[in-house]
Amino acid sequence: MENSKKLAIIYASSILLALPALSMAYTLQSLVCAVVSFLEVIFVAAGAIYFLVYGIMFLTARGEADKVAEARQGVLWGVVGIVVGALALGIVNAVTSFFGLGSFLLGC
C-alpha cells in the first residue's frame, strides 16, 4: 500500500511539472512537442539514475553472487527501459511525420 502512495505522488508531481510547458502550447504541434520534450527529459534522467544506482550496487557487491545477480538484473532492466523509451519516441516521430506535424527527433 505504501508503494502505491509513493507512485501516485511521483505521477502527480510529474504531471504538475509538465503543466507549465503544456499551458504554453497553442497548436497541436506545440502540444506534442512539449509532451515529447518533457518525456525525453524524464527518460534520460530515469535511465541515468537507474544506471547510477545499480552500477554502484554492482561495484559494492564484492563478488557476492546474490548481489551481483540483482545488480546485473537491474542494469538489464535499465537497458530495456531506455530501449522502450527510444521506441516510444520513434513511434511518436513516425506518427507526427505521417500526419504532417513535423519531426520531433531532434527537438522542435
C-alpha atoms as a PDB file:
ATOM      1  CA  MET A   1       0.000   0.000   0.000  1.00  0.00           C
ATOM      2  CA  GLU A   2       2.824   2.377   0.820  1.00  0.00           C
ATOM      3  CA  ASN A   3       4.489   1.860  -2.570  1.00  0.00           C
ATOM      4  CA  SER A   4       1.273   2.737  -4.398  1.00  0.00           C
ATOM      5  CA  LYS A   5       1.086   6.012  -2.469  1.00  0.00           C
ATOM      6  CA  LYS A   6       4.669   6.824  -3.439  1.00  0.00           C
ATOM      7  CA  LEU A   7       3.944   6.033  -7.089  1.00  0.00           C
ATOM      8  CA  ALA A   8       0.833   8.218  -7.011  1.00  0.00           C
ATOM      9  CA  ILE A   9       2.874  11.100  -5.583  1.00  0.00           C
ATOM     10  CA  ILE A  10       5.552  10.637  -8.253  1.00  0.00           C
ATOM     11  CA  TYR A  11       2.980  10.561 -11.067  1.00  0.00           C
ATOM     12  CA  ALA A  12       1.138  13.599  -9.711  1.00  0.00           C
ATOM     13  CA  SER A  13       4.331  15.604  -9.313  1.00  0.00           C
ATOM     14  CA  SER A  14       5.500  14.729 -12.821  1.00  0.00           C
ATOM     15  CA  ILE A  15       2.188  15.876 -14.224  1.00  0.00           C
ATOM     16  CA  LEU A  16       2.437  19.100 -12.239  1.00  0.00           C
ATOM     17  CA  LEU A  17       5.941  19.659 -13.594  1.00  0.00           C
ATOM     18  CA  ALA A  18       4.641  19.283 -17.146  1.00  0.00           C
ATOM     19  CA  LEU A  19       1.721  21.708 -16.754  1.00  0.00           C
ATOM     20  CA  PRO A  20       3.695  24.916 -17.434  1.00  0.00           C
ATOM     21  CA  ALA A  21       5.002  23.531 -20.715  1.00  0.00           C
ATOM     22  CA  LEU A  22       1.571  22.272 -21.701  1.00  0.00           C
ATOM     23  CA  SER A  23      -0.130  25.559 -20.867  1.00  0.00           C
ATOM     24  CA  MET A  24       2.038  27.406 -23.397  1.00  0.00           C
ATOM     25  CA  ALA A  25       1.055  25.030 -26.210  1.00  0.00           C
ATOM     26  CA  TYR A  26      -1.271  26.811 -28.622  1.00  0.00           C
ATOM     27  CA  THR A  27      -1.248  24.379 -31.507  1.00  0.00           C
ATOM     28  CA  LEU A  28      -1.307  20.610 -31.770  1.00  0.00           C
ATOM     29  CA  GLN A  29       2.311  20.617 -32.917  1.00  0.00           C
ATOM     30  CA  SER A  30       3.495  22.684 -29.965  1.00  0.00           C
ATOM     31  CA  LEU A  31       1.475  20.484 -27.581  1.00  0.00           C
ATOM     32  CA  VAL A  32       3.028  17.292 -28.964  1.00  0.00           C
ATOM     33  CA  CYS A  33       6.444  18.957 -28.890  1.00  0.00           C
ATOM     34  CA  ALA A  34       6.038  19.954 -25.236  1.00  0.00           C
ATOM     35  CA  VAL A  35       4.915  16.473 -24.191  1.00  0.00           C
ATOM     36  CA  VAL A  36       7.669  14.720 -26.154  1.00  0.00           C
ATOM     37  CA  SER A  37      10.343  17.072 -24.820  1.00  0.00           C
ATOM     38  CA  PHE A  38       9.153  16.518 -21.260  1.00  0.00           C
ATOM     39  CA  LEU A  39       9.133  12.741 -21.673  1.00  0.00           C
ATOM     40  CA  GLU A  40      12.617  12.802 -23.205  1.00  0.00           C
ATOM     41  CA  VAL A  41      13.957  14.549 -20.117  1.00  0.00           C
ATOM     42  CA  ILE A  42      12.167  12.102 -17.808  1.00  0.00           C
ATOM     43  CA  PHE A  43      13.502   9.036 -19.668  1.00  0.00           C
ATOM     44  CA  VAL A  44      17.070  10.319 -19.756  1.00  0.00           C
ATOM     45  CA  ALA A  45      17.018  11.272 -16.068  1.00  0.00           C
ATOM     46  CA  ALA A  46      15.422   7.992 -15.011  1.00  0.00           C
ATOM     47  CA  GLY A  47      17.883   5.988 -17.082  1.00  0.00           C
ATOM     48  CA  ALA A  48      20.851   7.842 -15.660  1.00  0.00           C
ATOM     49  CA  ILE A  49      19.657   7.410 -12.086  1.00  0.00           C
ATOM     50  CA  TYR A  50      18.862   3.738 -12.677  1.00  0.00           C
ATOM     51  CA  PHE A  51      22.311   3.018 -14.103  1.00  0.00           C
ATOM     52  CA  LEU A  52      23.997   5.011 -11.357  1.00  0.00           C
ATOM     53  CA  VAL A  53      22.190   3.155  -8.562  1.00  0.00           C
ATOM     54  CA  TYR A  54      22.680  -0.320  -9.993  1.00  0.00           C
ATOM     55  CA  GLY A  55      26.227   0.472 -11.112  1.00  0.00           C
ATOM     56  CA  ILE A  56      27.161   1.402  -7.565  1.00  0.00           C
ATOM     57  CA  MET A  57      25.344  -1.689  -6.348  1.00  0.00           C
ATOM     58  CA  PHE A  58      27.343  -3.787  -8.816  1.00  0.00           C
ATOM     59  CA  LEU A  59      30.621  -2.244  -7.645  1.00  0.00           C
ATOM     60  CA  THR A  60      29.836  -2.744  -3.975  1.00  0.00           C
ATOM     61  CA  ALA A  61      28.664  -6.359  -4.369  1.00  0.00           C
ATOM     62  CA  ARG A  62      32.197  -7.607  -3.606  1.00  0.00           C
ATOM     63  CA  GLY A  63      31.689 -10.821  -5.506  1.00  0.00           C
ATOM     64  CA  GLU A  64      28.591 -11.945  -3.613  1.00  0.00           C
ATOM     65  CA  ALA A  65      26.571 -13.904  -6.148  1.00  0.00           C
ATOM     66  CA  ASP A  66      23.152 -12.681  -4.995  1.00  0.00           C
ATOM     67  CA  LYS A  67      24.085  -9.004  -5.061  1.00  0.00           C
ATOM     68  CA  VAL A  68      25.882  -9.307  -8.408  1.00  0.00           C
ATOM     69  CA  ALA A  69      22.860 -11.063  -9.911  1.00  0.00           C
ATOM     70  CA  GLU A  70      20.498  -8.392  -8.584  1.00  0.00           C
ATOM     71  CA  ALA A  71      22.693  -5.589  -9.912  1.00  0.00           C
ATOM     72  CA  ARG A  72      23.050  -7.291 -13.289  1.00  0.00           C
ATOM     73  CA  GLN A  73      19.267  -7.713 -13.470  1.00  0.00           C
ATOM     74  CA  GLY A  74      18.797  -4.028 -12.605  1.00  0.00           C
ATOM     75  CA  VAL A  75      21.185  -2.923 -15.332  1.00  0.00           C
ATOM     76  CA  LEU A  76      19.378  -5.204 -17.793  1.00  0.00           C
ATOM     77  CA  TRP A  77      16.020  -3.663 -16.930  1.00  0.00           C
ATOM     78  CA  GLY A  78      17.592  -0.220 -17.238  1.00  0.00           C
ATOM     79  CA  VAL A  79      18.617  -1.051 -20.801  1.00  0.00           C
ATOM     80  CA  VAL A  80      15.120  -2.382 -21.508  1.00  0.00           C
ATOM     81  CA  GLY A  81      13.617   0.856 -20.185  1.00  0.00           C
ATOM     82  CA  ILE A  82      15.842   3.010 -22.363  1.00  0.00           C
ATOM     83  CA  VAL A  83      15.069   0.887 -25.437  1.00  0.00           C
ATOM     84  CA  VAL A  84      11.327   1.173 -24.754  1.00  0.00           C
ATOM     85  CA  GLY A  85      11.708   4.942 -24.356  1.00  0.00           C
ATOM     86  CA  ALA A  86      13.609   5.196 -27.638  1.00  0.00           C
ATOM     87  CA  LEU A  87      10.979   3.085 -29.408  1.00  0.00           C
ATOM     88  CA  ALA A  88       8.203   5.259 -27.995  1.00  0.00           C
ATOM     89  CA  LEU A  89       9.975   8.369 -29.256  1.00  0.00           C
ATOM     90  CA  GLY A  90      10.372   6.732 -32.658  1.00  0.00           C
ATOM     91  CA  ILE A  91       6.678   5.854 -32.782  1.00  0.00           C
ATOM     92  CA  VAL A  92       5.689   9.417 -31.874  1.00  0.00           C
ATOM     93  CA  ASN A  93       8.072  10.713 -34.529  1.00  0.00           C
ATOM     94  CA  ALA A  94       6.629   8.362 -37.169  1.00  0.00           C
ATOM     95  CA  VAL A  95       3.017   9.266 -36.342  1.00  0.00           C
ATOM     96  CA  THR A  96       3.658  13.013 -36.305  1.00  0.00           C
ATOM     97  CA  SER A  97       5.558  12.787 -39.596  1.00  0.00           C
ATOM     98  CA  PHE A  98       2.694  10.778 -41.111  1.00  0.00           C
ATOM     99  CA  PHE A  99       0.182  13.459 -40.166  1.00  0.00           C
ATOM    100  CA  GLY A 100       2.471  16.257 -41.363  1.00  0.00           C
ATOM    101  CA  LEU A 101       3.229  17.745 -37.967  1.00  0.00           C
ATOM    102  CA  GLY A 102       6.995  17.591 -38.463  1.00  0.00           C
ATOM    103  CA  SER A 103       9.748  15.629 -36.831  1.00  0.00           C
ATOM    104  CA  PHE A 104      10.406  15.716 -33.092  1.00  0.00           C
ATOM    105  CA  LEU A 105      13.514  13.590 -33.061  1.00  0.00           C
ATOM    106  CA  LEU A 106      15.974  16.469 -32.740  1.00  0.00           C
ATOM    107  CA  GLY A 107      13.790  18.944 -30.902  1.00  0.00           C
ATOM    108  CA  CYS A 108      11.073  21.275 -32.091  1.00  0.00           C
END
